[in-house]
Amino acid sequence: MAKESRRYRPNLLITGTPGCGKTTTCELLQRRLPDFTYYNISEFAEKHKCYEGYDKDRKSHIVDEDKLLDELEPLLHEGKSIIDWHVNDVFPERLIDLVVVFRCDNSILFDRLHARGYHEAKIQENLDAEIMGVVLQDAMESYEQEIVVELQSNTTEDMDSNVDRIVAWEKNWVEQHPEGVTNELPEYLAKKQGKKAAQEESESDSESESASESESEADEESESEDKE
């Protein structure tokens, strides 16, 4: 029987709209957690050729998420990872221990994106995403809410404070998990996914029955009209 894979230090997912200070904070965080490995996913995808095309409108490559996970997942089994990307819902829930979603005021975000040389359409797209809280919503839907933390990232003081909070959280995690955590799919999640699949199947069956009933009623009405 294969030995269960476990990690003894957490994996930290740092996410947010582009321009919210993820990379700067991750670099500061790695100085405080020097034994952690930092994965800038944009650079990681480029290095490992995890692309499936190029978006001419956004002027950026389209990441092949399946290939990305094939390359990255074995590395995450070791724990001690800082993951930096504006997309968060592609990473397996069983491998993520903390999701930090950075938020930023739109006036500051505009200045940061403009300084990067983003074209106006791309700037507006990111501003709209930040206003609607798209990244936070994705995180809340993809992970258990108790591991999702929303932090402001407007100033260097905010970033320093955020690093302090994450480092303190990491220390507490280690103390609370002396035997580590499994990299496999926990039983409760397997059951959860099974129930979700069963529910979706039931809803699909109900919709099919409703459609059949509607068709039957329509046929009966048609026959009644013909008799008249």
C-alpha atoms as a PDB file:
ATOM      1  CA  MET A   1       0.000   0.000   0.000  1.00  0.00           C
ATOM      2  CA  ALA A   2       1.404   3.390  -1.012  1.00  0.00           C
ATOM      3  CA  LYS A   3       2.361   5.729   1.786  1.00  0.00           C
ATOM      4  CA  GLU A   4       0.102   8.765   2.127  1.00  0.00           C
ATOM      5  CA  SER A   5       1.631  12.012   0.896  1.00  0.00           C
ATOM      6  CA  ARG A   6       1.639  14.776   3.517  1.00  0.00           C
ATOM      7  CA  ARG A   7       2.939  18.318   3.837  1.00  0.00           C
ATOM      8  CA  TYR A   8       4.187  19.836   7.084  1.00  0.00           C
ATOM      9  CA  ARG A   9       4.289  23.484   6.031  1.00  0.00           C
ATOM     10  CA  PRO A  10       1.384  25.272   4.334  1.00  0.00           C
ATOM     11  CA  ASN A  11       0.842  26.381   0.761  1.00  0.00           C
ATOM     12  CA  LEU A  12      -0.052  30.064   0.523  1.00  0.00           C
ATOM     13  CA  LEU A  13      -2.043  31.353  -2.448  1.00  0.00           C
ATOM     14  CA  ILE A  14      -1.610  35.111  -2.938  1.00  0.00           C
ATOM     15  CA  THR A  15      -4.147  36.483  -5.397  1.00  0.00           C
ATOM     16  CA  GLY A  16      -5.980  39.621  -6.506  1.00  0.00           C
ATOM     17  CA  THR A  17      -6.605  41.796  -9.529  1.00  0.00           C
ATOM     18  CA  PRO A  18      -3.427  42.607 -11.499  1.00  0.00           C
ATOM     19  CA  GLY A  19      -1.829  45.685  -9.929  1.00  0.00           C
ATOM     20  CA  CYS A  20      -2.964  44.947  -6.375  1.00  0.00           C
ATOM     21  CA  GLY A  21       0.570  44.405  -5.109  1.00  0.00           C
ATOM     22  CA  LYS A  22       0.739  40.615  -5.138  1.00  0.00           C
ATOM     23  CA  THR A  23       4.265  40.253  -6.480  1.00  0.00           C
ATOM     24  CA  THR A  24       5.777  42.975  -4.292  1.00  0.00           C
ATOM     25  CA  THR A  25       4.178  41.429  -1.207  1.00  0.00           C
ATOM     26  CA  CYS A  26       5.288  37.923  -2.200  1.00  0.00           C
ATOM     27  CA  GLU A  27       8.880  39.104  -2.534  1.00  0.00           C
ATOM     28  CA  LEU A  28       8.692  40.666   0.934  1.00  0.00           C
ATOM     29  CA  LEU A  29       7.057  37.516   2.276  1.00  0.00           C
ATOM     30  CA  GLN A  30       9.774  35.249   0.917  1.00  0.00           C
ATOM     31  CA  ARG A  31      12.391  37.265   2.816  1.00  0.00           C
ATOM     32  CA  ARG A  32      10.508  36.422   6.023  1.00  0.00           C
ATOM     33  CA  LEU A  33       9.956  32.795   4.986  1.00  0.00           C
ATOM     34  CA  PRO A  34      13.261  32.014   3.230  1.00  0.00           C
ATOM     35  CA  ASP A  35      12.673  28.253   3.138  1.00  0.00           C
ATOM     36  CA  PHE A  36       9.487  28.731   1.098  1.00  0.00           C
ATOM     37  CA  THR A  37       9.496  28.449  -2.697  1.00  0.00           C
ATOM     38  CA  TYR A  38       7.946  31.347  -4.591  1.00  0.00           C
ATOM     39  CA  TYR A  39       5.976  30.525  -7.735  1.00  0.00           C
ATOM     40  CA  ASN A  40       5.110  33.496  -9.911  1.00  0.00           C
ATOM     41  CA  ILE A  41       2.652  31.627 -12.130  1.00  0.00           C
ATOM     42  CA  SER A  42       3.068  33.939 -15.118  1.00  0.00           C
ATOM     43  CA  GLU A  43       6.809  33.236 -15.112  1.00  0.00           C
ATOM     44  CA  PHE A  44       6.291  29.553 -14.280  1.00  0.00           C
ATOM     45  CA  ALA A  45       3.894  29.106 -17.222  1.00  0.00           C
ATOM     46  CA  GLU A  46       6.351  30.786 -19.569  1.00  0.00           C
ATOM     47  CA  LYS A  47       9.278  28.677 -18.352  1.00  0.00           C
ATOM     48  CA  HIS A  48       7.364  25.402 -18.732  1.00  0.00           C
ATOM     49  CA  LYS A  49       5.545  26.412 -21.949  1.00  0.00           C
ATOM     50  CA  CYS A  50       2.103  26.028 -20.376  1.00  0.00           C
ATOM     51  CA  TYR A  51       0.326  27.912 -23.140  1.00  0.00           C
ATOM     52  CA  GLU A  52      -2.542  26.996 -25.442  1.00  0.00           C
ATOM     53  CA  GLY A  53      -2.672  30.154 -27.532  1.00  0.00           C
ATOM     54  CA  TYR A  54      -2.330  33.928 -27.629  1.00  0.00           C
ATOM     55  CA  ASP A  55      -5.038  36.517 -26.967  1.00  0.00           C
ATOM     56  CA  LYS A  56      -4.442  39.354 -29.434  1.00  0.00           C
ATOM     57  CA  ASP A  57      -6.977  41.652 -27.749  1.00  0.00           C
ATOM     58  CA  ARG A  58      -5.378  41.328 -24.298  1.00  0.00           C
ATOM     59  CA  LYS A  59      -1.898  40.947 -25.798  1.00  0.00           C
ATOM     60  CA  SER A  60      -1.116  38.024 -23.535  1.00  0.00           C
ATOM     61  CA  HIS A  61      -0.692  34.255 -23.695  1.00  0.00           C
ATOM     62  CA  ILE A  62      -3.555  31.936 -22.738  1.00  0.00           C
ATOM     63  CA  VAL A  63      -2.399  29.566 -20.013  1.00  0.00           C
ATOM     64  CA  ASP A  64      -3.070  25.861 -20.472  1.00  0.00           C
ATOM     65  CA  GLU A  65      -4.356  25.186 -16.963  1.00  0.00           C
ATOM     66  CA  ASP A  66      -4.188  21.395 -17.253  1.00  0.00           C
ATOM     67  CA  LYS A  67      -0.531  21.468 -18.256  1.00  0.00           C
ATOM     68  CA  LEU A  68       0.178  24.077 -15.587  1.00  0.00           C
ATOM     69  CA  LEU A  69      -1.227  21.802 -12.882  1.00  0.00           C
ATOM     70  CA  ASP A  70       0.633  18.786 -14.267  1.00  0.00           C
ATOM     71  CA  GLU A  71       3.871  20.710 -13.765  1.00  0.00           C
ATOM     72  CA  LEU A  72       3.020  22.447 -10.491  1.00  0.00           C
ATOM     73  CA  GLU A  73       0.993  19.952  -8.451  1.00  0.00           C
ATOM     74  CA  PRO A  74       3.878  17.600  -7.572  1.00  0.00           C
ATOM     75  CA  LEU A  75       5.817  20.615  -6.287  1.00  0.00           C
ATOM     76  CA  LEU A  76       2.927  21.714  -4.083  1.00  0.00           C
ATOM     77  CA  HIS A  77       2.934  18.314  -2.363  1.00  0.00           C
ATOM     78  CA  GLU A  78       6.062  19.440  -0.531  1.00  0.00           C
ATOM     79  CA  GLY A  79       4.285  22.447   1.015  1.00  0.00           C
ATOM     80  CA  LYS A  80       6.266  25.618   1.789  1.00  0.00           C
ATOM     81  CA  SER A  81       4.928  27.303  -1.355  1.00  0.00           C
ATOM     82  CA  ILE A  82       3.992  30.907  -2.104  1.00  0.00           C
ATOM     83  CA  ILE A  83       1.780  30.975  -5.199  1.00  0.00           C
ATOM     84  CA  ASP A  84       1.294  34.310  -6.970  1.00  0.00           C
ATOM     85  CA  TRP A  85      -1.434  34.623  -9.624  1.00  0.00           C
ATOM     86  CA  HIS A  86      -4.537  36.669 -10.337  1.00  0.00           C
ATOM     87  CA  VAL A  87      -6.473  33.447 -11.075  1.00  0.00           C
ATOM     88  CA  ASN A  88      -7.175  31.309  -8.029  1.00  0.00           C
ATOM     89  CA  ASP A  89      -9.875  28.750  -8.801  1.00  0.00           C
ATOM     90  CA  VAL A  90      -7.639  26.384 -10.793  1.00  0.00           C
ATOM     91  CA  PHE A  91      -5.610  25.121  -7.829  1.00  0.00           C
ATOM     92  CA  PRO A  92      -6.905  21.985  -6.060  1.00  0.00           C
ATOM     93  CA  GLU A  93      -8.609  22.825  -2.781  1.00  0.00           C
ATOM     94  CA  ARG A  94      -6.807  19.949  -1.037  1.00  0.00           C
ATOM     95  CA  LEU A  95      -3.413  21.609  -1.726  1.00  0.00           C
ATOM     96  CA  ILE A  96      -4.172  25.155  -0.585  1.00  0.00           C
ATOM     97  CA  ASP A  97      -4.042  26.169   3.079  1.00  0.00           C
ATOM     98  CA  LEU A  98      -4.500  29.946   2.907  1.00  0.00           C
ATOM     99  CA  VAL A  99      -5.931  32.199   0.188  1.00  0.00           C
ATOM    100  CA  VAL A 100      -5.055  35.883   0.538  1.00  0.00           C
ATOM    101  CA  VAL A 101      -7.034  38.180  -1.749  1.00  0.00           C
ATOM    102  CA  PHE A 102      -5.533  41.643  -2.028  1.00  0.00           C
ATOM    103  CA  ARG A 103      -7.838  44.572  -2.708  1.00  0.00           C
ATOM    104  CA  CYS A 104      -6.874  48.022  -3.936  1.00  0.00           C
ATOM    105  CA  ASP A 105      -8.554  51.409  -4.356  1.00  0.00           C
ATOM    106  CA  ASN A 106      -9.324  52.042  -8.009  1.00  0.00           C
ATOM    107  CA  SER A 107      -7.461  55.345  -8.235  1.00  0.00           C
ATOM    108  CA  ILE A 108      -4.289  53.649  -6.984  1.00  0.00           C
ATOM    109  CA  LEU A 109      -4.904  50.613  -9.163  1.00  0.00           C
ATOM    110  CA  PHE A 110      -5.301  52.827 -12.240  1.00  0.00           C
ATOM    111  CA  ASP A 111      -1.969  54.536 -11.569  1.00  0.00           C
ATOM    112  CA  ARG A 112      -0.180  51.201 -11.106  1.00  0.00           C
ATOM    113  CA  LEU A 113      -1.586  49.676 -14.298  1.00  0.00           C
ATOM    114  CA  HIS A 114      -0.939  52.845 -16.277  1.00  0.00           C
ATOM    115  CA  ALA A 115       2.684  52.826 -15.085  1.00  0.00           C
ATOM    116  CA  ARG A 116       2.996  49.255 -16.393  1.00  0.00           C
ATOM    117  CA  GLY A 117       1.987  50.442 -19.835  1.00  0.00           C
ATOM    118  CA  TYR A 118      -1.344  48.605 -19.959  1.00  0.00           C
ATOM    119  CA  HIS A 119      -3.585  49.784 -22.792  1.00  0.00           C
ATOM    120  CA  GLU A 120      -6.826  51.539 -21.824  1.00  0.00           C
ATOM    121  CA  ALA A 121      -9.125  48.579 -22.520  1.00  0.00           C
ATOM    122  CA  LYS A 122      -7.037  46.286 -20.317  1.00  0.00           C
ATOM    123  CA  ILE A 123      -6.906  48.882 -17.548  1.00  0.00           C
ATOM    124  CA  GLN A 124     -10.688  49.287 -17.620  1.00  0.00           C
ATOM    125  CA  GLU A 125     -11.219  45.528 -17.614  1.00  0.00           C
ATOM    126  CA  ASN A 126      -9.121  45.178 -14.454  1.00  0.00           C
ATOM    127  CA  LEU A 127     -10.769  48.170 -12.789  1.00  0.00           C
ATOM    128  CA  ASP A 128     -14.192  46.661 -13.454  1.00  0.00           C
ATOM    129  CA  ALA A 129     -13.032  43.319 -12.055  1.00  0.00           C
ATOM    130  CA  GLU A 130     -11.797  45.033  -8.889  1.00  0.00           C
ATOM    131  CA  ILE A 131     -15.008  47.020  -8.445  1.00  0.00           C
ATOM    132  CA  MET A 132     -17.102  43.850  -8.739  1.00  0.00           C
ATOM    133  CA  GLY A 133     -14.756  41.846  -6.516  1.00  0.00           C
ATOM    134  CA  VAL A 134     -14.388  39.105  -9.134  1.00  0.00           C
ATOM    135  CA  VAL A 135     -11.231  37.551  -7.666  1.00  0.00           C
ATOM    136  CA  LEU A 136     -12.646  37.512  -4.134  1.00  0.00           C
ATOM    137  CA  GLN A 137     -15.886  35.941  -5.348  1.00  0.00           C
ATOM    138  CA  ASP A 138     -13.973  33.217  -7.199  1.00  0.00           C
ATOM    139  CA  ALA A 139     -11.948  32.478  -4.071  1.00  0.00           C
ATOM    140  CA  MET A 140     -15.025  32.273  -1.845  1.00  0.00           C
ATOM    141  CA  GLU A 141     -16.682  29.876  -4.285  1.00  0.00           C
ATOM    142  CA  SER A 142     -13.582  27.699  -4.760  1.00  0.00           C
ATOM    143  CA  TYR A 143     -12.292  27.266  -1.188  1.00  0.00           C
ATOM    144  CA  GLU A 144     -13.612  26.905   2.330  1.00  0.00           C
ATOM    145  CA  GLN A 145     -14.437  30.419   3.496  1.00  0.00           C
ATOM    146  CA  GLU A 146     -12.413  30.116   6.698  1.00  0.00           C
ATOM    147  CA  ILE A 147      -9.143  29.966   4.726  1.00  0.00           C
ATOM    148  CA  VAL A 148      -9.955  32.987   2.524  1.00  0.00           C
ATOM    149  CA  VAL A 149      -8.669  36.338   3.816  1.00  0.00           C
ATOM    150  CA  GLU A 150      -9.307  39.730   2.212  1.00  0.00           C
ATOM    151  CA  LEU A 151      -6.621  42.389   2.812  1.00  0.00           C
ATOM    152  CA  GLN A 152      -6.181  45.967   1.610  1.00  0.00           C
ATOM    153  CA  SER A 153      -2.990  46.642  -0.360  1.00  0.00           C
ATOM    154  CA  ASN A 154      -2.890  50.356  -1.099  1.00  0.00           C
ATOM    155  CA  THR A 155       0.372  51.448   0.529  1.00  0.00           C
ATOM    156  CA  THR A 156       3.786  50.092   1.488  1.00  0.00           C
ATOM    157  CA  GLU A 157       2.572  50.175   5.091  1.00  0.00           C
ATOM    158  CA  ASP A 158      -0.341  47.926   4.095  1.00  0.00           C
ATOM    159  CA  MET A 159       2.049  45.510   2.431  1.00  0.00           C
ATOM    160  CA  ASP A 160       4.357  45.344   5.465  1.00  0.00           C
ATOM    161  CA  SER A 161       1.356  44.755   7.744  1.00  0.00           C
ATOM    162  CA  ASN A 162       0.006  42.061   5.419  1.00  0.00           C
ATOM    163  CA  VAL A 163       3.342  40.232   5.462  1.00  0.00           C
ATOM    164  CA  ASP A 164       3.354  40.333   9.269  1.00  0.00           C
ATOM    165  CA  ARG A 165      -0.151  38.823   9.346  1.00  0.00           C
ATOM    166  CA  ILE A 166       0.676  36.046   6.881  1.00  0.00           C
ATOM    167  CA  VAL A 167       3.887  35.105   8.719  1.00  0.00           C
ATOM    168  CA  ALA A 168       1.971  34.951  12.016  1.00  0.00           C
ATOM    169  CA  TRP A 169      -0.719  32.827  10.368  1.00  0.00           C
ATOM    170  CA  GLU A 170       1.917  30.423   8.988  1.00  0.00           C
ATOM    171  CA  LYS A 171       3.424  29.987  12.449  1.00  0.00           C
ATOM    172  CA  ASN A 172       0.005  29.210  13.932  1.00  0.00           C
ATOM    173  CA  TRP A 173      -0.721  26.716  11.154  1.00  0.00           C
ATOM    174  CA  VAL A 174       2.443  24.764  11.930  1.00  0.00           C
ATOM    175  CA  GLU A 175       1.590  24.699  15.642  1.00  0.00           C
ATOM    176  CA  GLN A 176      -1.950  23.505  14.915  1.00  0.00           C
ATOM    177  CA  HIS A 177      -0.861  20.766  12.494  1.00  0.00           C
ATOM    178  CA  PRO A 178       2.076  18.958  14.158  1.00  0.00           C
ATOM    179  CA  GLU A 179       1.370  15.883  12.011  1.00  0.00           C
ATOM    180  CA  GLY A 180       0.933  17.888   8.830  1.00  0.00           C
ATOM    181  CA  VAL A 181      -2.000  17.526   6.439  1.00  0.00           C
ATOM    182  CA  THR A 182      -2.694  15.112   3.636  1.00  0.00           C
ATOM    183  CA  ASN A 183      -2.079  15.928  -0.008  1.00  0.00           C
ATOM    184  CA  GLU A 184      -4.679  13.348  -0.955  1.00  0.00           C
ATOM    185  CA  LEU A 185      -8.382  14.050  -1.286  1.00  0.00           C
ATOM    186  CA  PRO A 186      -9.736  13.954   2.297  1.00  0.00           C
ATOM    187  CA  GLU A 187     -12.684  11.658   2.902  1.00  0.00           C
ATOM    188  CA  TYR A 188     -15.039  14.505   3.782  1.00  0.00           C
ATOM    189  CA  LEU A 189     -14.230  16.284   0.521  1.00  0.00           C
ATOM    190  CA  ALA A 190     -14.740  13.091  -1.455  1.00  0.00           C
ATOM    191  CA  LYS A 191     -18.163  12.737   0.161  1.00  0.00           C
ATOM    192  CA  LYS A 192     -18.862  16.421  -0.492  1.00  0.00           C
ATOM    193  CA  GLN A 193     -18.011  16.052  -4.160  1.00  0.00           C
ATOM    194  CA  GLY A 194     -20.078  12.860  -4.362  1.00  0.00           C
ATOM    195  CA  LYS A 195     -23.095  14.621  -2.863  1.00  0.00           C
ATOM    196  CA  LYS A 196     -22.626  17.561  -5.235  1.00  0.00           C
ATOM    197  CA  ALA A 197     -22.481  15.245  -8.244  1.00  0.00           C
ATOM    198  CA  ALA A 198     -25.586  13.385  -7.031  1.00  0.00           C
ATOM    199  CA  GLN A 199     -27.420  16.674  -6.506  1.00  0.00           C
ATOM    200  CA  GLU A 200     -26.508  17.906  -9.973  1.00  0.00           C
ATOM    201  CA  GLU A 201     -27.671  14.602 -11.464  1.00  0.00           C
ATOM    202  CA  SER A 202     -30.936  14.831  -9.532  1.00  0.00           C
ATOM    203  CA  GLU A 203     -31.496  18.406 -10.706  1.00  0.00           C
ATOM    204  CA  SER A 204     -30.763  17.323 -14.269  1.00  0.00           C
ATOM    205  CA  ASP A 205     -33.283  14.473 -13.970  1.00  0.00           C
ATOM    206  CA  SER A 206     -35.888  16.857 -12.535  1.00  0.00           C
ATOM    207  CA  GLU A 207     -35.393  19.263 -15.420  1.00  0.00           C
ATOM    208  CA  SER A 208     -35.776  16.384 -17.897  1.00  0.00           C
ATOM    209  CA  GLU A 209     -38.982  15.240 -16.176  1.00  0.00           C
ATOM    210  CA  SER A 210     -40.348  18.779 -16.195  1.00  0.00           C
ATOM    211  CA  ALA A 211     -39.557  19.091 -19.875  1.00  0.00           C
ATOM    212  CA  SER A 212     -41.287  15.748 -20.578  1.00  0.00           C
ATOM    213  CA  GLU A 213     -44.344  16.812 -18.576  1.00  0.00           C
ATOM    214  CA  SER A 214     -44.512  20.087 -20.466  1.00  0.00           C
ATOM    215  CA  GLU A 215     -44.314  18.235 -23.773  1.00  0.00           C
ATOM    216  CA  SER A 216     -47.036  15.812 -22.639  1.00  0.00           C
ATOM    217  CA  GLU A 217     -49.319  18.674 -21.599  1.00  0.00           C
ATOM    218  CA  ALA A 218     -48.690  20.386 -24.916  1.00  0.00           C
ATOM    219  CA  ASP A 219     -49.599  17.166 -26.780  1.00  0.00           C
ATOM    220  CA  GLU A 220     -52.828  16.802 -24.752  1.00  0.00           C
ATOM    221  CA  GLU A 221     -53.812  20.392 -25.501  1.00  0.00           C
ATOM    222  CA  SER A 222     -53.106  19.828 -29.169  1.00  0.00           C
ATOM    223  CA  GLU A 223     -55.287  16.670 -29.219  1.00  0.00           C
ATOM    224  CA  SER A 224     -58.078  18.527 -27.437  1.00  0.00           C
ATOM    225  CA  GLU A 225     -57.980  21.342 -29.993  1.00  0.00           C
ATOM    226  CA  ASP A 226     -58.076  18.822 -32.840  1.00  0.00           C
ATOM    227  CA  LYS A 227     -61.214  17.193 -31.402  1.00  0.00           C
ATOM    228  CA  GLU A 228     -62.929  20.568 -31.144  1.00  0.00           C
END
